[in-house]
Amino acid sequence: MSEPTTKETQKPDVSGETARAEAWMVAVDANPALKAVLAAKFKEGASVEFFQGVAAAVEMTAAAKSHDEAQKENVAPITPGEIKPEPANGVMSAGMTGEVLEVR
């Protein structure tokens, strides 16, 4: 026999709220400056996907900024006179044809 279900024995399903709260925390960690705005969105009932999107957008923006900074680094140009090939010695195979090239 199963026991009758009463309000005392029913447990509310909070998995959706837990997922929303976790997604909210990830979004806030990604950009703490948005905490107040994200808290308001959480109270309005914004979805998990909304908070995941915010976190992803912040991460993509940071990655793009990092890429831009890397591109702006001062790299000295190489002039053709600076490249000096070293002489090669040895035997090389030409792949599937089996031809052998000797370099001295």
N, C-alpha and C. Protein backbone atom coordinates (compact mmCIF):
# COMPACT_ATOMS: atom_id res chain seq x y z
N MET A 1 0.83 -1.19 0.00
CA MET A 1 0.00 0.00 0.00
C MET A 1 0.87 1.25 0.00
N SER A 2 0.42 2.23 -0.73
CA SER A 2 1.16 3.49 -0.73
C SER A 2 0.46 4.46 0.20
N GLU A 3 1.28 5.33 0.75
CA GLU A 3 0.73 6.32 1.67
C GLU A 3 0.06 7.43 0.88
N PRO A 4 -0.99 7.98 1.39
CA PRO A 4 -1.65 9.07 0.69
C PRO A 4 -0.73 10.29 0.64
N THR A 5 -0.84 10.99 -0.45
CA THR A 5 -0.02 12.19 -0.62
C THR A 5 -0.72 13.36 0.05
N THR A 6 0.02 14.01 0.92
CA THR A 6 -0.51 15.20 1.59
C THR A 6 0.48 16.34 1.36
N LYS A 7 0.08 17.51 1.76
CA LYS A 7 0.98 18.66 1.61
C LYS A 7 2.27 18.47 2.38
N GLU A 8 2.20 17.75 3.49
CA GLU A 8 3.40 17.53 4.30
C GLU A 8 4.37 16.58 3.63
N THR A 9 3.86 15.61 2.85
CA THR A 9 4.75 14.62 2.23
C THR A 9 5.19 15.03 0.83
N GLN A 10 4.53 16.00 0.24
CA GLN A 10 4.92 16.45 -1.09
C GLN A 10 6.16 17.34 -0.99
N LYS A 11 7.10 17.08 -1.87
CA LYS A 11 8.29 17.93 -1.91
C LYS A 11 8.22 18.72 -3.21
N PRO A 12 8.36 20.03 -3.11
CA PRO A 12 8.30 20.82 -4.34
C PRO A 12 9.54 20.56 -5.20
N ASP A 13 9.34 20.58 -6.50
CA ASP A 13 10.45 20.41 -7.43
C ASP A 13 11.15 21.75 -7.57
N VAL A 14 12.35 21.84 -7.00
CA VAL A 14 13.09 23.09 -7.03
C VAL A 14 14.27 23.02 -7.99
N SER A 15 14.34 21.96 -8.78
CA SER A 15 15.49 21.80 -9.68
C SER A 15 15.58 22.95 -10.68
N GLY A 16 14.43 23.43 -11.15
CA GLY A 16 14.44 24.55 -12.08
C GLY A 16 14.96 25.82 -11.44
N GLU A 17 14.53 26.08 -10.21
CA GLU A 17 15.00 27.27 -9.50
C GLU A 17 16.48 27.15 -9.17
N THR A 18 16.92 25.93 -8.82
CA THR A 18 18.33 25.71 -8.51
C THR A 18 19.17 25.97 -9.76
N ALA A 19 18.73 25.47 -10.90
CA ALA A 19 19.46 25.68 -12.15
C ALA A 19 19.50 27.17 -12.50
N ARG A 20 18.39 27.87 -12.29
CA ARG A 20 18.36 29.30 -12.57
C ARG A 20 19.33 30.05 -11.66
N ALA A 21 19.32 29.68 -10.38
CA ALA A 21 20.22 30.34 -9.42
C ALA A 21 21.68 30.09 -9.78
N GLU A 22 22.00 28.86 -10.16
CA GLU A 22 23.37 28.54 -10.54
C GLU A 22 23.78 29.31 -11.79
N ALA A 23 22.90 29.39 -12.77
CA ALA A 23 23.19 30.13 -13.99
C ALA A 23 23.35 31.62 -13.68
N TRP A 24 22.54 32.14 -12.77
CA TRP A 24 22.64 33.54 -12.35
C TRP A 24 24.01 33.79 -11.72
N MET A 25 24.45 32.89 -10.85
CA MET A 25 25.75 33.07 -10.19
C MET A 25 26.90 33.04 -11.19
N VAL A 26 26.82 32.16 -12.18
CA VAL A 26 27.87 32.10 -13.22
C VAL A 26 27.90 33.43 -13.99
N ALA A 27 26.74 33.96 -14.33
CA ALA A 27 26.66 35.22 -15.07
C ALA A 27 27.23 36.37 -14.23
N VAL A 28 26.92 36.39 -12.93
CA VAL A 28 27.43 37.44 -12.05
C VAL A 28 28.94 37.31 -11.88
N ASP A 29 29.42 36.07 -11.76
CA ASP A 29 30.87 35.86 -11.65
C ASP A 29 31.57 36.33 -12.92
N ALA A 30 30.95 36.14 -14.06
CA ALA A 30 31.55 36.54 -15.33
C ALA A 30 31.68 38.06 -15.41
N ASN A 31 30.68 38.78 -14.90
CA ASN A 31 30.72 40.24 -14.90
C ASN A 31 30.01 40.79 -13.67
N PRO A 32 30.75 40.99 -12.58
CA PRO A 32 30.13 41.48 -11.33
C PRO A 32 29.43 42.84 -11.49
N ALA A 33 29.81 43.62 -12.47
CA ALA A 33 29.18 44.93 -12.67
C ALA A 33 27.71 44.80 -13.05
N LEU A 34 27.32 43.64 -13.54
CA LEU A 34 25.93 43.41 -13.95
C LEU A 34 25.06 42.82 -12.84
N LYS A 35 25.58 42.72 -11.63
CA LYS A 35 24.87 42.02 -10.55
C LYS A 35 23.46 42.57 -10.32
N ALA A 36 23.31 43.88 -10.23
CA ALA A 36 21.99 44.47 -9.96
C ALA A 36 21.02 44.19 -11.11
N VAL A 37 21.49 44.34 -12.33
CA VAL A 37 20.64 44.11 -13.49
C VAL A 37 20.23 42.64 -13.56
N LEU A 38 21.19 41.75 -13.32
CA LEU A 38 20.90 40.32 -13.37
C LEU A 38 19.98 39.90 -12.22
N ALA A 39 20.11 40.53 -11.06
CA ALA A 39 19.21 40.23 -9.95
C ALA A 39 17.78 40.61 -10.31
N ALA A 40 17.62 41.74 -10.97
CA ALA A 40 16.28 42.16 -11.40
C ALA A 40 15.71 41.18 -12.42
N LYS A 41 16.55 40.74 -13.35
CA LYS A 41 16.10 39.75 -14.34
C LYS A 41 15.73 38.43 -13.67
N PHE A 42 16.48 38.05 -12.64
CA PHE A 42 16.17 36.82 -11.92
C PHE A 42 14.80 36.93 -11.26
N LYS A 43 14.53 38.06 -10.63
CA LYS A 43 13.23 38.28 -9.98
C LYS A 43 12.09 38.29 -10.99
N GLU A 44 12.38 38.76 -12.21
CA GLU A 44 11.36 38.78 -13.26
C GLU A 44 11.10 37.38 -13.82
N GLY A 45 11.98 36.43 -13.49
CA GLY A 45 11.78 35.06 -13.96
C GLY A 45 12.55 34.71 -15.22
N ALA A 46 13.65 35.42 -15.48
CA ALA A 46 14.45 35.11 -16.67
C ALA A 46 14.92 33.66 -16.61
N SER A 47 15.03 33.06 -17.78
CA SER A 47 15.34 31.63 -17.88
C SER A 47 16.82 31.34 -17.66
N VAL A 48 17.11 30.06 -17.46
CA VAL A 48 18.48 29.58 -17.35
C VAL A 48 19.25 29.97 -18.60
N GLU A 49 18.62 29.80 -19.76
CA GLU A 49 19.26 30.10 -21.03
C GLU A 49 19.66 31.57 -21.12
N PHE A 50 18.85 32.45 -20.55
CA PHE A 50 19.18 33.88 -20.56
C PHE A 50 20.50 34.11 -19.82
N PHE A 51 20.62 33.55 -18.62
CA PHE A 51 21.84 33.75 -17.83
C PHE A 51 23.04 33.06 -18.47
N GLN A 52 22.82 31.91 -19.07
CA GLN A 52 23.91 31.24 -19.78
C GLN A 52 24.37 32.08 -20.96
N GLY A 53 23.42 32.70 -21.64
CA GLY A 53 23.77 33.58 -22.76
C GLY A 53 24.57 34.78 -22.32
N VAL A 54 24.20 35.36 -21.17
CA VAL A 54 24.94 36.50 -20.64
C VAL A 54 26.38 36.09 -20.34
N ALA A 55 26.54 34.95 -19.66
CA ALA A 55 27.88 34.48 -19.32
C ALA A 55 28.70 34.20 -20.58
N ALA A 56 28.07 33.58 -21.58
CA ALA A 56 28.78 33.28 -22.83
C ALA A 56 29.19 34.56 -23.54
N ALA A 57 28.30 35.54 -23.55
CA ALA A 57 28.62 36.82 -24.21
C ALA A 57 29.79 37.51 -23.52
N VAL A 58 29.81 37.46 -22.19
CA VAL A 58 30.91 38.08 -21.45
C VAL A 58 32.22 37.36 -21.76
N GLU A 59 32.18 36.02 -21.78
CA GLU A 59 33.38 35.25 -22.08
C GLU A 59 33.88 35.53 -23.50
N MET A 60 32.96 35.60 -24.47
CA MET A 60 33.36 35.87 -25.86
C MET A 60 33.94 37.27 -26.00
N THR A 61 33.39 38.23 -25.28
CA THR A 61 33.90 39.59 -25.32
C THR A 61 35.31 39.64 -24.74
N ALA A 62 35.52 38.94 -23.63
CA ALA A 62 36.85 38.90 -23.02
C ALA A 62 37.86 38.22 -23.95
N ALA A 63 37.43 37.15 -24.61
CA ALA A 63 38.33 36.46 -25.54
C ALA A 63 38.67 37.35 -26.73
N ALA A 64 37.69 38.07 -27.23
CA ALA A 64 37.93 38.97 -28.36
C ALA A 64 38.88 40.10 -27.95
N LYS A 65 38.69 40.64 -26.75
CA LYS A 65 39.56 41.70 -26.27
C LYS A 65 40.99 41.18 -26.11
N SER A 66 41.13 39.98 -25.58
CA SER A 66 42.44 39.37 -25.43
C SER A 66 43.10 39.17 -26.78
N HIS A 67 42.31 38.72 -27.77
CA HIS A 67 42.84 38.53 -29.12
C HIS A 67 43.29 39.85 -29.72
N ASP A 68 42.49 40.91 -29.54
CA ASP A 68 42.84 42.23 -30.05
C ASP A 68 44.13 42.73 -29.42
N GLU A 69 44.27 42.51 -28.11
CA GLU A 69 45.49 42.95 -27.42
C GLU A 69 46.70 42.19 -27.92
N ALA A 70 46.53 40.91 -28.18
CA ALA A 70 47.64 40.11 -28.70
C ALA A 70 48.04 40.59 -30.09
N GLN A 71 47.06 41.01 -30.89
CA GLN A 71 47.36 41.50 -32.23
C GLN A 71 48.10 42.84 -32.19
N LYS A 72 47.88 43.61 -31.13
CA LYS A 72 48.48 44.94 -31.03
C LYS A 72 49.89 44.91 -30.43
N GLU A 73 50.33 43.75 -29.97
CA GLU A 73 51.66 43.67 -29.37
C GLU A 73 52.70 44.13 -30.38
N ASN A 74 53.73 44.75 -29.87
CA ASN A 74 54.78 45.27 -30.73
C ASN A 74 55.67 44.13 -31.20
N VAL A 75 55.50 43.74 -32.43
CA VAL A 75 56.31 42.69 -33.02
C VAL A 75 57.16 43.33 -34.10
N ALA A 76 58.48 43.17 -33.96
CA ALA A 76 59.39 43.76 -34.94
C ALA A 76 59.26 43.01 -36.26
N PRO A 77 59.17 43.74 -37.36
CA PRO A 77 59.08 43.07 -38.67
C PRO A 77 60.41 42.40 -39.01
N ILE A 78 60.32 41.31 -39.73
CA ILE A 78 61.51 40.58 -40.15
C ILE A 78 61.82 40.98 -41.58
N THR A 79 63.04 41.40 -41.80
CA THR A 79 63.46 41.77 -43.16
C THR A 79 64.10 40.55 -43.80
N PRO A 80 64.05 40.45 -45.12
CA PRO A 80 64.60 39.27 -45.80
C PRO A 80 66.07 39.02 -45.49
N GLY A 81 66.86 40.07 -45.22
CA GLY A 81 68.28 39.90 -44.90
C GLY A 81 68.51 39.19 -43.58
N GLU A 82 67.53 39.23 -42.68
CA GLU A 82 67.68 38.60 -41.37
C GLU A 82 67.47 37.10 -41.42
N ILE A 83 66.82 36.60 -42.45
CA ILE A 83 66.55 35.17 -42.54
C ILE A 83 67.70 34.51 -43.29
N LYS A 84 68.41 33.65 -42.60
CA LYS A 84 69.53 32.96 -43.21
C LYS A 84 69.28 31.47 -43.12
N PRO A 85 68.95 30.85 -44.22
CA PRO A 85 68.71 29.42 -44.18
C PRO A 85 69.99 28.66 -43.88
N GLU A 86 69.85 27.65 -43.06
CA GLU A 86 71.00 26.79 -42.75
C GLU A 86 71.10 25.71 -43.81
N PRO A 87 72.30 25.31 -44.16
CA PRO A 87 72.43 24.25 -45.15
C PRO A 87 71.88 22.94 -44.62
N ALA A 88 71.20 22.23 -45.49
CA ALA A 88 70.60 20.95 -45.09
C ALA A 88 71.49 19.81 -45.55
N ASN A 89 71.67 18.85 -44.72
CA ASN A 89 72.43 17.65 -45.05
C ASN A 89 71.58 16.44 -44.72
N GLY A 90 71.57 15.46 -45.58
CA GLY A 90 70.83 14.25 -45.27
C GLY A 90 70.10 13.72 -46.47
N VAL A 91 69.28 12.73 -46.20
CA VAL A 91 68.51 12.07 -47.25
C VAL A 91 67.04 12.22 -46.90
N MET A 92 66.23 12.60 -47.89
CA MET A 92 64.81 12.73 -47.65
C MET A 92 64.06 11.85 -48.63
N SER A 93 62.97 11.28 -48.17
CA SER A 93 62.12 10.44 -49.01
C SER A 93 60.97 11.28 -49.54
N ALA A 94 60.54 11.00 -50.74
CA ALA A 94 59.47 11.78 -51.36
C ALA A 94 58.14 11.05 -51.24
N GLY A 95 57.74 10.73 -50.05
CA GLY A 95 56.42 10.18 -49.80
C GLY A 95 56.19 8.82 -50.41
N MET A 96 55.03 8.63 -51.03
CA MET A 96 54.60 7.31 -51.50
C MET A 96 55.34 6.87 -52.76
N THR A 97 55.99 7.79 -53.46
CA THR A 97 56.67 7.40 -54.71
C THR A 97 57.94 6.63 -54.42
N GLY A 98 58.51 6.80 -53.23
CA GLY A 98 59.73 6.09 -52.88
C GLY A 98 60.97 6.74 -53.42
N GLU A 99 60.85 7.86 -54.11
CA GLU A 99 62.00 8.55 -54.63
C GLU A 99 62.82 9.11 -53.46
N VAL A 100 64.12 9.08 -53.62
CA VAL A 100 65.01 9.56 -52.57
C VAL A 100 65.78 10.75 -53.09
N LEU A 101 65.88 11.76 -52.28
CA LEU A 101 66.60 12.97 -52.63
C LEU A 101 67.73 13.13 -51.63
N GLU A 102 68.93 13.24 -52.12
CA GLU A 102 70.06 13.44 -51.24
C GLU A 102 70.44 14.91 -51.28
N VAL A 103 70.48 15.51 -50.10
CA VAL A 103 70.81 16.93 -49.98
C VAL A 103 72.16 17.04 -49.31
N ARG A 104 73.07 17.77 -49.94
CA ARG A 104 74.42 17.96 -49.35
C ARG A 104 74.70 19.41 -49.11
